[in-house]
Amino acid sequence: QGRTAGQPTNCVPNLHGQVKMNVIDDGTILFRDGSTVYLQRPAGGCPGLESRGYTLVSRRVGQHQICQGDIQELVDLQTGIQGGSCVFSEFVPYRKAM
């Protein structure tokens, strides 16, 4: 609310893991970086993520950004067993109007 969509971008910076993720449903994830909120709608959705029994885990090491095309694994929070995966699409930034 009170934000305007910007041009889609391929990557979101994630220096020191400061980007905060908020799952809306199996097909919608928000990433907050400071005052900017990025809308992510994974290609084909991310079935099971909304259940809150899973978390997303990236196997990329040493990367300081989250990008379109990245494959995220759904991992069961209780057992640690992988329960599927999803592929990120482009990110749409939303910023507060000036």
C-alpha atoms as a PDB file:
ATOM      1  CA  GLN A   1       0.000   0.000   0.000  1.00  0.00           C
ATOM      2  CA  GLY A   2       1.317   3.431  -0.936  1.00  0.00           C
ATOM      3  CA  ARG A   3       3.964   1.915  -3.215  1.00  0.00           C
ATOM      4  CA  THR A   4       4.509   2.126  -6.942  1.00  0.00           C
ATOM      5  CA  ALA A   5       5.770  -0.741  -9.116  1.00  0.00           C
ATOM      6  CA  GLY A   6       9.085  -0.197 -10.861  1.00  0.00           C
ATOM      7  CA  GLN A   7      10.717  -1.936 -13.811  1.00  0.00           C
ATOM      8  CA  PRO A   8      11.293  -5.650 -13.195  1.00  0.00           C
ATOM      9  CA  THR A   9      14.850  -6.607 -12.303  1.00  0.00           C
ATOM     10  CA  ASN A  10      16.749  -9.873 -12.613  1.00  0.00           C
ATOM     11  CA  CYS A  11      18.413  -9.792  -9.186  1.00  0.00           C
ATOM     12  CA  VAL A  12      17.940  -8.482  -5.659  1.00  0.00           C
ATOM     13  CA  PRO A  13      21.042  -7.670  -3.592  1.00  0.00           C
ATOM     14  CA  ASN A  14      21.346  -9.780  -0.446  1.00  0.00           C
ATOM     15  CA  LEU A  15      24.505  -8.575   1.259  1.00  0.00           C
ATOM     16  CA  HIS A  16      24.972 -10.242   4.641  1.00  0.00           C
ATOM     17  CA  GLY A  17      21.539 -11.899   4.385  1.00  0.00           C
ATOM     18  CA  GLN A  18      19.726  -8.655   5.212  1.00  0.00           C
ATOM     19  CA  VAL A  19      16.870  -9.155   2.744  1.00  0.00           C
ATOM     20  CA  LYS A  20      13.783 -10.321   4.620  1.00  0.00           C
ATOM     21  CA  MET A  21      11.408 -12.834   3.031  1.00  0.00           C
ATOM     22  CA  ASN A  22       7.637 -12.919   3.614  1.00  0.00           C
ATOM     23  CA  VAL A  23       5.589 -15.778   2.118  1.00  0.00           C
ATOM     24  CA  ILE A  24       2.102 -14.675   1.034  1.00  0.00           C
ATOM     25  CA  ASP A  25       1.016 -17.939  -0.614  1.00  0.00           C
ATOM     26  CA  ASP A  26       2.460 -20.759  -2.739  1.00  0.00           C
ATOM     27  CA  GLY A  27       2.852 -18.398  -5.703  1.00  0.00           C
ATOM     28  CA  THR A  28       3.773 -15.094  -4.065  1.00  0.00           C
ATOM     29  CA  ILE A  29       6.828 -14.138  -2.030  1.00  0.00           C
ATOM     30  CA  LEU A  30       7.866 -10.657  -0.916  1.00  0.00           C
ATOM     31  CA  PHE A  31      11.456  -9.663  -0.262  1.00  0.00           C
ATOM     32  CA  ARG A  32      12.141  -6.462   1.690  1.00  0.00           C
ATOM     33  CA  ASP A  33      15.433  -4.629   1.254  1.00  0.00           C
ATOM     34  CA  GLY A  34      15.293  -1.428   3.282  1.00  0.00           C
ATOM     35  CA  SER A  35      12.305   0.560   2.044  1.00  0.00           C
ATOM     36  CA  THR A  36      11.960  -1.409  -1.204  1.00  0.00           C
ATOM     37  CA  VAL A  37       9.693  -4.465  -1.436  1.00  0.00           C
ATOM     38  CA  TYR A  38      10.320  -6.915  -4.282  1.00  0.00           C
ATOM     39  CA  LEU A  39       7.470  -9.097  -5.542  1.00  0.00           C
ATOM     40  CA  GLN A  40       8.510 -12.611  -6.575  1.00  0.00           C
ATOM     41  CA  ARG A  41       6.164 -15.002  -8.361  1.00  0.00           C
ATOM     42  CA  PRO A  42       8.143 -18.212  -8.959  1.00  0.00           C
ATOM     43  CA  ALA A  43       7.573 -19.861 -12.336  1.00  0.00           C
ATOM     44  CA  GLY A  44       4.946 -22.542 -11.712  1.00  0.00           C
ATOM     45  CA  GLY A  45       4.554 -21.430  -8.091  1.00  0.00           C
ATOM     46  CA  CYS A  46       6.176 -23.043  -5.094  1.00  0.00           C
ATOM     47  CA  PRO A  47       3.708 -25.731  -3.931  1.00  0.00           C
ATOM     48  CA  GLY A  48       3.858 -26.367  -0.182  1.00  0.00           C
ATOM     49  CA  LEU A  49       5.590 -23.139   0.817  1.00  0.00           C
ATOM     50  CA  GLU A  50       2.422 -21.553   2.227  1.00  0.00           C
ATOM     51  CA  SER A  51       1.985 -24.439   4.688  1.00  0.00           C
ATOM     52  CA  ARG A  52       4.721 -22.903   6.882  1.00  0.00           C
ATOM     53  CA  GLY A  53       6.115 -26.400   7.357  1.00  0.00           C
ATOM     54  CA  TYR A  54       8.795 -25.682   4.752  1.00  0.00           C
ATOM     55  CA  THR A  55      11.477 -23.088   4.222  1.00  0.00           C
ATOM     56  CA  LEU A  56      13.389 -22.096   1.095  1.00  0.00           C
ATOM     57  CA  VAL A  57      17.056 -22.999   0.908  1.00  0.00           C
ATOM     58  CA  SER A  58      19.442 -21.843  -1.775  1.00  0.00           C
ATOM     59  CA  ARG A  59      22.410 -24.064  -2.528  1.00  0.00           C
ATOM     60  CA  ARG A  60      24.389 -21.192  -4.059  1.00  0.00           C
ATOM     61  CA  VAL A  61      27.384 -20.348  -1.912  1.00  0.00           C
ATOM     62  CA  GLY A  62      29.201 -17.029  -1.922  1.00  0.00           C
ATOM     63  CA  GLN A  63      26.502 -15.180  -3.846  1.00  0.00           C
ATOM     64  CA  HIS A  64      25.425 -11.776  -2.612  1.00  0.00           C
ATOM     65  CA  GLN A  65      22.204 -11.622  -4.573  1.00  0.00           C
ATOM     66  CA  ILE A  66      19.034 -13.556  -5.300  1.00  0.00           C
ATOM     67  CA  CYS A  67      18.370 -13.841  -9.031  1.00  0.00           C
ATOM     68  CA  GLN A  68      15.885 -14.849 -11.684  1.00  0.00           C
ATOM     69  CA  GLY A  69      16.530 -18.480 -12.610  1.00  0.00           C
ATOM     70  CA  ASP A  70      17.775 -19.413  -9.132  1.00  0.00           C
ATOM     71  CA  ILE A  71      16.442 -22.770  -7.983  1.00  0.00           C
ATOM     72  CA  GLN A  72      15.269 -22.741  -4.371  1.00  0.00           C
ATOM     73  CA  GLU A  73      14.679 -26.004  -2.529  1.00  0.00           C
ATOM     74  CA  LEU A  74      11.757 -26.480  -0.165  1.00  0.00           C
ATOM     75  CA  VAL A  75      13.047 -28.143   2.980  1.00  0.00           C
ATOM     76  CA  ASP A  76      10.835 -29.586   5.719  1.00  0.00           C
ATOM     77  CA  LEU A  77      11.556 -27.631   8.917  1.00  0.00           C
ATOM     78  CA  GLN A  78      11.141 -30.667  11.176  1.00  0.00           C
ATOM     79  CA  THR A  79      12.962 -33.371   9.235  1.00  0.00           C
ATOM     80  CA  GLY A  80      15.341 -31.409   7.016  1.00  0.00           C
ATOM     81  CA  ILE A  81      14.199 -33.455   4.020  1.00  0.00           C
ATOM     82  CA  GLN A  82      13.823 -31.727   0.672  1.00  0.00           C
ATOM     83  CA  GLY A  83      10.202 -31.501  -0.412  1.00  0.00           C
ATOM     84  CA  GLY A  84      10.426 -29.934  -3.858  1.00  0.00           C
ATOM     85  CA  SER A  85      11.823 -26.848  -5.482  1.00  0.00           C
ATOM     86  CA  CYS A  86      10.853 -23.660  -7.245  1.00  0.00           C
ATOM     87  CA  VAL A  87      12.502 -21.406  -9.817  1.00  0.00           C
ATOM     88  CA  PHE A  88      12.545 -17.656  -9.301  1.00  0.00           C
ATOM     89  CA  SER A  89      11.272 -15.368 -12.048  1.00  0.00           C
ATOM     90  CA  GLU A  90      12.036 -11.643 -12.349  1.00  0.00           C
ATOM     91  CA  PHE A  91      11.568  -9.409  -9.313  1.00  0.00           C
ATOM     92  CA  VAL A  92       9.217  -6.412  -9.392  1.00  0.00           C
ATOM     93  CA  PRO A  93      10.348  -3.617  -7.054  1.00  0.00           C
ATOM     94  CA  TYR A  94       7.764  -1.546  -5.202  1.00  0.00           C
ATOM     95  CA  ARG A  95       8.876   1.758  -3.722  1.00  0.00           C
ATOM     96  CA  LYS A  96       7.034   4.407  -1.763  1.00  0.00           C
ATOM     97  CA  ALA A  97       5.915   7.291  -3.937  1.00  0.00           C
ATOM     98  CA  MET A  98       7.817  10.513  -3.320  1.00  0.00           C
END
